[in-house]
C-alpha atoms as a PDB file:
ATOM      1  CA  MET A   1     -16.610 -29.553 -18.028  1.00  0.00           C
ATOM      2  CA  ASN A   2     -13.935 -26.602 -17.327  1.00  0.00           C
ATOM      3  CA  ASN A   3     -15.242 -23.960 -14.965  1.00  0.00           C
ATOM      4  CA  LYS A   4     -14.926 -20.554 -16.745  1.00  0.00           C
ATOM      5  CA  LEU A   5     -13.143 -17.663 -15.120  1.00  0.00           C
ATOM      6  CA  GLU A   6     -15.244 -14.750 -15.825  1.00  0.00           C
ATOM      7  CA  VAL A   7     -13.776 -11.845 -14.706  1.00  0.00           C
ATOM      8  CA  ILE A   8     -11.333 -10.706 -11.816  1.00  0.00           C
ATOM      9  CA  LEU A   9     -12.525  -8.373  -9.590  1.00  0.00           C
ATOM     10  CA  ILE A  10     -10.057  -6.209  -7.881  1.00  0.00           C
ATOM     11  CA  ASP A  11     -10.104  -3.915  -4.858  1.00  0.00           C
ATOM     12  CA  ILE A  12      -7.440  -1.636  -4.014  1.00  0.00           C
ATOM     13  CA  GLY A  13      -7.899   0.038  -0.973  1.00  0.00           C
ATOM     14  CA  ASN A  14      -5.351   2.190   0.979  1.00  0.00           C
ATOM     15  CA  SER A  15      -3.788  -0.822   3.354  1.00  0.00           C
ATOM     16  CA  SER A  16      -4.237  -3.559   0.650  1.00  0.00           C
ATOM     17  CA  ILE A  17      -5.142  -5.098  -2.592  1.00  0.00           C
ATOM     18  CA  LYS A  18      -7.832  -8.034  -2.749  1.00  0.00           C
ATOM     19  CA  THR A  19      -8.427 -10.213  -5.695  1.00  0.00           C
ATOM     20  CA  THR A  20     -11.853 -12.311  -6.235  1.00  0.00           C
ATOM     21  CA  GLU A  21     -12.152 -14.643  -8.870  1.00  0.00           C
ATOM     22  CA  VAL A  22     -15.588 -15.146 -10.498  1.00  0.00           C
ATOM     23  CA  ILE A  23     -16.419 -18.590 -11.769  1.00  0.00           C
ATOM     24  CA  ASP A  24     -19.407 -19.417 -13.461  1.00  0.00           C
ATOM     25  CA  GLY A  25     -21.065 -16.452 -11.652  1.00  0.00           C
ATOM     26  CA  GLU A  26     -19.509 -17.263  -8.100  1.00  0.00           C
ATOM     27  CA  PHE A  27     -17.319 -15.737  -6.190  1.00  0.00           C
ATOM     28  CA  GLN A  28     -14.169 -17.378  -4.981  1.00  0.00           C
ATOM     29  CA  GLU A  29     -11.950 -16.878  -1.964  1.00  0.00           C
ATOM     30  CA  THR A  30     -10.429 -13.408  -1.510  1.00  0.00           C
ATOM     31  CA  VAL A  31      -6.760 -13.162  -1.788  1.00  0.00           C
ATOM     32  CA  ILE A  32      -4.718 -10.362  -0.846  1.00  0.00           C
ATOM     33  CA  TRP A  33      -1.602  -8.963  -2.382  1.00  0.00           C
ATOM     34  CA  ASP A  34       1.268  -6.551  -2.288  1.00  0.00           C
ATOM     35  CA  GLN A  35       1.803  -5.333  -5.741  1.00  0.00           C
ATOM     36  CA  LEU A  36      -0.306  -4.847  -8.087  1.00  0.00           C
ATOM     37  CA  ASP A  37       1.881  -5.881 -10.930  1.00  0.00           C
ATOM     38  CA  SER A  38       2.186  -9.447  -9.654  1.00  0.00           C
ATOM     39  CA  VAL A  39      -1.876  -9.594  -9.926  1.00  0.00           C
ATOM     40  CA  LEU A  40      -1.827  -7.889 -13.604  1.00  0.00           C
ATOM     41  CA  THR A  41       0.987 -10.747 -14.633  1.00  0.00           C
ATOM     42  CA  LYS A  42      -0.684 -13.565 -12.932  1.00  0.00           C
ATOM     43  CA  TYR A  43      -4.023 -12.709 -14.585  1.00  0.00           C
ATOM     44  CA  GLU A  44      -2.647 -11.576 -18.144  1.00  0.00           C
ATOM     45  CA  GLY A  45      -5.569 -11.777 -20.867  1.00  0.00           C
ATOM     46  CA  VAL A  46      -8.377 -12.208 -18.011  1.00  0.00           C
ATOM     47  CA  PRO A  47     -10.850  -9.983 -17.979  1.00  0.00           C
ATOM     48  CA  ILE A  48     -10.365  -7.160 -14.868  1.00  0.00           C
ATOM     49  CA  MET A  49     -12.732  -4.949 -13.131  1.00  0.00           C
ATOM     50  CA  ILE A  50     -10.696  -2.421 -10.810  1.00  0.00           C
ATOM     51  CA  SER A  51     -11.587  -0.117  -8.030  1.00  0.00           C
ATOM     52  CA  SER A  52      -9.181   1.572  -6.475  1.00  0.00           C
ATOM     53  CA  VAL A  53      -8.695   4.605  -3.712  1.00  0.00           C
ATOM     54  CA  LYS A  54      -5.102   5.371  -5.407  1.00  0.00           C
ATOM     55  CA  LYS A  55      -4.410   6.564  -8.855  1.00  0.00           C
ATOM     56  CA  ILE A  56      -3.513   3.499 -11.171  1.00  0.00           C
ATOM     57  CA  ASP A  57      -1.896   4.507 -14.572  1.00  0.00           C
ATOM     58  CA  SER A  58      -4.565   2.850 -17.402  1.00  0.00           C
ATOM     59  CA  ASP A  59      -1.182   2.163 -19.362  1.00  0.00           C
ATOM     60  CA  LEU A  60      -0.723  -1.035 -17.001  1.00  0.00           C
ATOM     61  CA  LEU A  61      -3.885  -2.711 -18.395  1.00  0.00           C
ATOM     62  CA  ASN A  62      -1.881  -3.356 -21.438  1.00  0.00           C
ATOM     63  CA  ASN A  63      -3.768  -6.792 -22.413  1.00  0.00           C
ATOM     64  CA  GLY A  64      -6.396  -5.019 -23.538  1.00  0.00           C
ATOM     65  CA  VAL A  65      -9.208  -6.484 -21.414  1.00  0.00           C
ATOM     66  CA  GLY A  66      -9.166  -4.535 -17.943  1.00  0.00           C
ATOM     67  CA  LYS A  67     -11.331  -1.654 -16.800  1.00  0.00           C
ATOM     68  CA  ILE A  68     -10.733   0.626 -13.902  1.00  0.00           C
ATOM     69  CA  LEU A  69     -14.152   2.281 -12.153  1.00  0.00           C
ATOM     70  CA  ASP A  70     -14.694   5.860 -12.311  1.00  0.00           C
ATOM     71  CA  TYR A  71     -17.455   8.174 -12.055  1.00  0.00           C
ATOM     72  CA  LYS A  72     -17.613   7.944 -16.328  1.00  0.00           C
ATOM     73  CA  THR A  73     -17.882   3.856 -16.242  1.00  0.00           C
ATOM     74  CA  LYS A  74     -21.400   2.725 -17.113  1.00  0.00           C
ATOM     75  CA  MET A  75     -23.443   1.498 -14.054  1.00  0.00           C
ATOM     76  CA  PRO A  76     -26.862   0.492 -12.622  1.00  0.00           C
ATOM     77  CA  ILE A  77     -27.408   3.365 -10.456  1.00  0.00           C
ATOM     78  CA  LYS A  78     -27.418   7.248 -11.079  1.00  0.00           C
ATOM     79  CA  ILE A  79     -24.831   9.384  -9.441  1.00  0.00           C
ATOM     80  CA  ASP A  80     -26.339  12.524  -7.507  1.00  0.00           C
ATOM     81  CA  TYR A  81     -23.095  13.970  -6.538  1.00  0.00           C
ATOM     82  CA  ASP A  82     -21.671  17.814  -7.258  1.00  0.00           C
ATOM     83  CA  THR A  83     -18.004  16.470  -8.053  1.00  0.00           C
ATOM     84  CA  PRO A  84     -18.563  13.348  -9.253  1.00  0.00           C
ATOM     85  CA  GLU A  85     -14.768  12.964 -10.514  1.00  0.00           C
ATOM     86  CA  THR A  86     -13.810  13.181  -6.625  1.00  0.00           C
ATOM     87  CA  LEU A  87     -16.272  10.138  -5.811  1.00  0.00           C
ATOM     88  CA  GLY A  88     -14.001   7.140  -4.938  1.00  0.00           C
ATOM     89  CA  ALA A  89     -14.328   4.266  -6.997  1.00  0.00           C
ATOM     90  CA  ASP A  90     -15.046   2.198  -3.756  1.00  0.00           C
ATOM     91  CA  ARG A  91     -18.007   4.027  -2.701  1.00  0.00           C
ATOM     92  CA  ILE A  92     -19.359   4.024  -6.183  1.00  0.00           C
ATOM     93  CA  ALA A  93     -18.805   0.048  -5.956  1.00  0.00           C
ATOM     94  CA  ALA A  94     -19.827  -0.327  -2.539  1.00  0.00           C
ATOM     95  CA  ALA A  95     -23.406   1.671  -3.297  1.00  0.00           C
ATOM     96  CA  VAL A  96     -24.189  -0.761  -6.709  1.00  0.00           C
ATOM     97  CA  GLY A  97     -23.193  -3.579  -4.437  1.00  0.00           C
ATOM     98  CA  ALA A  98     -26.330  -2.758  -2.018  1.00  0.00           C
ATOM     99  CA  ASN A  99     -28.516  -1.638  -5.042  1.00  0.00           C
ATOM    100  CA  GLU A 100     -27.752  -5.013  -6.149  1.00  0.00           C
ATOM    101  CA  LEU A 101     -28.328  -6.800  -2.758  1.00  0.00           C
ATOM    102  CA  PHE A 102     -31.438  -4.829  -1.769  1.00  0.00           C
ATOM    103  CA  PRO A 103     -32.685  -3.496  -4.891  1.00  0.00           C
ATOM    104  CA  ASP A 104     -36.219  -2.432  -3.832  1.00  0.00           C
ATOM    105  CA  GLN A 105     -34.508  -0.967  -0.555  1.00  0.00           C
ATOM    106  CA  ASP A 106     -33.110   2.458   0.556  1.00  0.00           C
ATOM    107  CA  ASN A 107     -29.629   1.431   1.724  1.00  0.00           C
ATOM    108  CA  LEU A 108     -27.037   3.246   3.805  1.00  0.00           C
ATOM    109  CA  VAL A 109     -23.494   1.811   3.081  1.00  0.00           C
ATOM    110  CA  ILE A 110     -21.051   2.049   6.085  1.00  0.00           C
ATOM    111  CA  ASP A 111     -17.810   1.399   5.520  1.00  0.00           C
ATOM    112  CA  LEU A 112     -15.481   1.303   9.111  1.00  0.00           C
ATOM    113  CA  GLY A 113     -12.035   0.670   7.440  1.00  0.00           C
ATOM    114  CA  THR A 114      -9.087   3.346   7.493  1.00  0.00           C
ATOM    115  CA  CYS A 115     -11.605   6.198   7.323  1.00  0.00           C
ATOM    116  CA  ILE A 116     -15.521   5.870   7.850  1.00  0.00           C
ATOM    117  CA  THR A 117     -17.809   6.515   5.053  1.00  0.00           C
ATOM    118  CA  MET A 118     -21.363   6.683   5.044  1.00  0.00           C
ATOM    119  CA  ASP A 119     -23.141   6.704   1.792  1.00  0.00           C
ATOM    120  CA  LEU A 120     -27.036   6.703   0.850  1.00  0.00           C
ATOM    121  CA  VAL A 121     -28.271   4.843  -2.322  1.00  0.00           C
ATOM    122  CA  ASP A 122     -32.035   4.928  -2.574  1.00  0.00           C
ATOM    123  CA  ARG A 123     -34.569   2.352  -3.812  1.00  0.00           C
ATOM    124  CA  ASN A 124     -34.942   4.490  -7.305  1.00  0.00           C
ATOM    125  CA  GLN A 125     -31.281   3.727  -7.788  1.00  0.00           C
ATOM    126  CA  VAL A 126     -29.906   7.010  -7.179  1.00  0.00           C
ATOM    127  CA  PHE A 127     -26.549   7.726  -4.927  1.00  0.00           C
ATOM    128  CA  HIS A 128     -27.351  10.460  -2.853  1.00  0.00           C
ATOM    129  CA  GLY A 129     -23.780  11.147  -1.402  1.00  0.00           C
ATOM    130  CA  GLY A 130     -22.594  10.638   2.149  1.00  0.00           C
ATOM    131  CA  ILE A 131     -20.266  11.189   4.948  1.00  0.00           C
ATOM    132  CA  ILE A 132     -16.596  10.605   5.381  1.00  0.00           C
ATOM    133  CA  SER A 133     -14.878  10.925   8.784  1.00  0.00           C
ATOM    134  CA  PRO A 134     -11.646   9.413  10.464  1.00  0.00           C
ATOM    135  CA  GLY A 135     -11.720   5.723  11.185  1.00  0.00           C
ATOM    136  CA  LEU A 136     -11.148   4.094  14.625  1.00  0.00           C
ATOM    137  CA  THR A 137      -7.211   3.886  14.237  1.00  0.00           C
ATOM    138  CA  MET A 138      -6.871   7.240  12.629  1.00  0.00           C
ATOM    139  CA  ARG A 139      -8.425   8.699  15.472  1.00  0.00           C
ATOM    140  CA  MET A 140      -6.506   7.349  18.156  1.00  0.00           C
ATOM    141  CA  LYS A 141      -3.138   7.980  16.305  1.00  0.00           C
ATOM    142  CA  ALA A 142      -4.330  11.857  15.835  1.00  0.00           C
ATOM    143  CA  MET A 143      -5.124  12.415  19.333  1.00  0.00           C
ATOM    144  CA  ALA A 144      -1.700  11.076  20.038  1.00  0.00           C
ATOM    145  CA  GLY A 145       0.034  12.947  17.344  1.00  0.00           C
ATOM    146  CA  TYR A 146      -1.437  16.018  17.692  1.00  0.00           C
ATOM    147  CA  THR A 147      -0.932  16.537  21.403  1.00  0.00           C
ATOM    148  CA  ASP A 148       2.175  16.110  23.793  1.00  0.00           C
ATOM    149  CA  GLN A 149       0.863  14.142  26.603  1.00  0.00           C
ATOM    150  CA  LEU A 150      -1.955  11.939  25.264  1.00  0.00           C
ATOM    151  CA  PRO A 151      -0.747   8.254  24.928  1.00  0.00           C
ATOM    152  CA  ASP A 152      -1.324   6.107  21.288  1.00  0.00           C
ATOM    153  CA  ILE A 153      -3.806   3.559  22.373  1.00  0.00           C
ATOM    154  CA  SER A 154      -4.376   2.113  18.638  1.00  0.00           C
ATOM    155  CA  GLU A 155      -2.052  -1.400  19.370  1.00  0.00           C
ATOM    156  CA  GLU A 156      -3.511  -1.664  22.613  1.00  0.00           C
ATOM    157  CA  TRP A 157      -7.473  -0.517  22.765  1.00  0.00           C
ATOM    158  CA  ARG A 158      -8.688  -4.131  22.477  1.00  0.00           C
ATOM    159  CA  GLN A 159      -7.413  -4.513  26.292  1.00  0.00           C
ATOM    160  CA  ILE A 160      -9.042  -1.346  27.593  1.00  0.00           C
ATOM    161  CA  ASN A 161     -12.576  -1.810  29.100  1.00  0.00           C
ATOM    162  CA  SER A 162     -14.230   1.250  29.314  1.00  0.00           C
ATOM    163  CA  GLY A 163     -18.247   2.268  29.293  1.00  0.00           C
ATOM    164  CA  GLU A 164     -19.286   5.688  27.859  1.00  0.00           C
ATOM    165  CA  LEU A 165     -17.258   7.536  30.831  1.00  0.00           C
ATOM    166  CA  GLY A 166     -13.662   6.791  31.417  1.00  0.00           C
ATOM    167  CA  LYS A 167     -11.923   6.623  34.392  1.00  0.00           C
ATOM    168  CA  THR A 168      -8.438   6.870  33.054  1.00  0.00           C
ATOM    169  CA  THR A 169      -6.942   8.561  30.081  1.00  0.00           C
ATOM    170  CA  LYS A 170      -6.478   5.396  28.178  1.00  0.00           C
ATOM    171  CA  GLU A 171     -10.096   4.838  28.795  1.00  0.00           C
ATOM    172  CA  CYS A 172     -11.401   8.086  27.870  1.00  0.00           C
ATOM    173  CA  LEU A 173      -9.243   7.831  24.392  1.00  0.00           C
ATOM    174  CA  PHE A 174     -11.092   4.641  24.168  1.00  0.00           C
ATOM    175  CA  SER A 175     -14.440   5.909  24.720  1.00  0.00           C
ATOM    176  CA  GLY A 176     -14.125   8.959  22.715  1.00  0.00           C
ATOM    177  CA  SER A 177     -12.779   6.815  19.587  1.00  0.00           C
ATOM    178  CA  TYR A 178     -15.001   3.825  19.815  1.00  0.00           C
ATOM    179  CA  HIS A 179     -18.440   5.134  21.339  1.00  0.00           C
ATOM    180  CA  GLY A 180     -18.198   8.314  19.360  1.00  0.00           C
ATOM    181  CA  ILE A 181     -18.209   6.490  16.403  1.00  0.00           C
ATOM    182  CA  VAL A 182     -21.284   4.725  17.440  1.00  0.00           C
ATOM    183  CA  HIS A 183     -23.092   7.807  18.368  1.00  0.00           C
ATOM    184  CA  GLU A 184     -21.895   9.470  15.381  1.00  0.00           C
ATOM    185  CA  ILE A 185     -23.381   6.386  12.894  1.00  0.00           C
ATOM    186  CA  ASN A 186     -26.738   6.036  15.304  1.00  0.00           C
ATOM    187  CA  GLY A 187     -27.046  10.343  14.842  1.00  0.00           C
ATOM    188  CA  VAL A 188     -26.530   9.562  10.985  1.00  0.00           C
ATOM    189  CA  LEU A 189     -29.556   6.999  11.229  1.00  0.00           C
ATOM    190  CA  ARG A 190     -31.830   9.002  12.934  1.00  0.00           C
ATOM    191  CA  THR A 191     -31.517  11.775  10.804  1.00  0.00           C
ATOM    192  CA  LEU A 192     -31.737   9.948   7.601  1.00  0.00           C
ATOM    193  CA  GLU A 193     -34.841   7.829   8.877  1.00  0.00           C
ATOM    194  CA  ARG A 194     -36.995  11.417   9.107  1.00  0.00           C
ATOM    195  CA  ASP A 195     -36.802  11.032   5.221  1.00  0.00           C
ATOM    196  CA  PHE A 196     -36.455   7.211   4.420  1.00  0.00           C
ATOM    197  CA  THR A 197     -38.478   5.268   6.989  1.00  0.00           C
ATOM    198  CA  SER A 198     -37.165   1.795   5.977  1.00  0.00           C
ATOM    199  CA  LEU A 199     -33.383   2.494   6.073  1.00  0.00           C
ATOM    200  CA  ASN A 200     -31.662  -0.314   5.583  1.00  0.00           C
ATOM    201  CA  MET A 201     -27.845  -0.305   6.798  1.00  0.00           C
ATOM    202  CA  ILE A 202     -25.061  -2.370   5.600  1.00  0.00           C
ATOM    203  CA  LEU A 203     -22.115  -2.575   7.547  1.00  0.00           C
ATOM    204  CA  THR A 204     -18.609  -3.256   5.831  1.00  0.00           C
ATOM    205  CA  GLY A 205     -15.131  -2.855   6.209  1.00  0.00           C
ATOM    206  CA  GLY A 206     -11.961  -4.161   8.431  1.00  0.00           C
ATOM    207  CA  ASP A 207     -13.197  -2.650  11.469  1.00  0.00           C
ATOM    208  CA  ALA A 208     -17.148  -3.558  11.228  1.00  0.00           C
ATOM    209  CA  HIS A 209     -17.268  -6.511  13.435  1.00  0.00           C
ATOM    210  CA  PHE A 210     -16.194  -4.303  16.203  1.00  0.00           C
ATOM    211  CA  PHE A 211     -18.965  -2.483  15.750  1.00  0.00           C
ATOM    212  CA  GLU A 212     -22.100  -4.825  14.753  1.00  0.00           C
ATOM    213  CA  SER A 213     -23.461  -5.434  18.314  1.00  0.00           C
ATOM    214  CA  ASN A 214     -23.623  -1.920  19.377  1.00  0.00           C
ATOM    215  CA  LEU A 215     -25.404  -0.310  16.662  1.00  0.00           C
ATOM    216  CA  LYS A 216     -29.101   0.239  16.569  1.00  0.00           C
ATOM    217  CA  ALA A 217     -30.553  -0.948  13.024  1.00  0.00           C
ATOM    218  CA  HIS A 218     -30.881  -3.888  10.956  1.00  0.00           C
ATOM    219  CA  ILE A 219     -27.165  -4.887   9.714  1.00  0.00           C
ATOM    220  CA  PHE A 220     -26.310  -6.909   6.873  1.00  0.00           C
ATOM    221  CA  ALA A 221     -22.109  -7.250   7.076  1.00  0.00           C
ATOM    222  CA  GLY A 222     -21.371  -7.067   3.684  1.00  0.00           C
ATOM    223  CA  SER A 223     -17.838  -8.230   3.573  1.00  0.00           C
ATOM    224  CA  LYS A 224     -17.773  -8.529  -0.288  1.00  0.00           C
ATOM    225  CA  ILE A 225     -20.416  -5.675  -0.859  1.00  0.00           C
ATOM    226  CA  VAL A 226     -17.475  -3.888  -3.115  1.00  0.00           C
ATOM    227  CA  GLN A 227     -16.818  -6.903  -5.006  1.00  0.00           C
ATOM    228  CA  THR A 228     -20.563  -7.463  -5.722  1.00  0.00           C
ATOM    229  CA  GLY A 229     -20.941  -3.831  -6.848  1.00  0.00           C
ATOM    230  CA  LEU A 230     -17.901  -4.227  -9.062  1.00  0.00           C
ATOM    231  CA  TYR A 231     -19.484  -7.874 -10.783  1.00  0.00           C
ATOM    232  CA  SER A 232     -22.590  -5.942 -11.602  1.00  0.00           C
ATOM    233  CA  ILE A 233     -20.626  -2.913 -12.987  1.00  0.00           C
ATOM    234  CA  TRP A 234     -18.949  -5.378 -15.145  1.00  0.00           C
ATOM    235  CA  LYS A 235     -22.137  -7.370 -16.123  1.00  0.00           C
ATOM    236  CA  PHE A 236     -24.137  -3.819 -16.927  1.00  0.00           C
ATOM    237  CA  GLN A 237     -20.859  -3.174 -19.629  1.00  0.00           C
END
């Protein structure tokens, strides 16, 4: 018996295009692409669900079975956000994915990528908004780019060993970038836990594994949380 390809989940971020086939309800290995056109050509006629941080021309989906996620899409959570038209599809998909994985918990989804996003979806399936701040590489590049004397350590920070207080300028830059993010996340957690006492933290994104051991909370490292949300939304249609 042939396995059924149900849908192609496409996650378009700032730096990559990721596709995941869903066959008989199971996620297959994620593939990284350079061009969306190549994906659409390969999967012409196959149902497609897209989350994109970039604007996509809907005319590209001329096979009639493609769906681009936005705030108007039917979904299993409620969006409590003053400007939903500005809310990134990746944030929506990740929130839905958290709700799918942990439906009876208050979930804080932390995506450590080009930017850091922290979004809260509660146990009543309500998305409450969140926080956006510069990611690790962006912080390092910004300090070098906006000053005359500070070096860019974004390509060498893994070789820089520093505690909270650096003893060299490069160590100080590392500490401010890396430990600053740790304290930022832990501070947000402490604030939210006043109202959400059993908050579940879900860590995802390309830089997540650099921070997992230094964050003081229960963590589920969800590498496919956006895909989980996309699949849940696709089934909800």
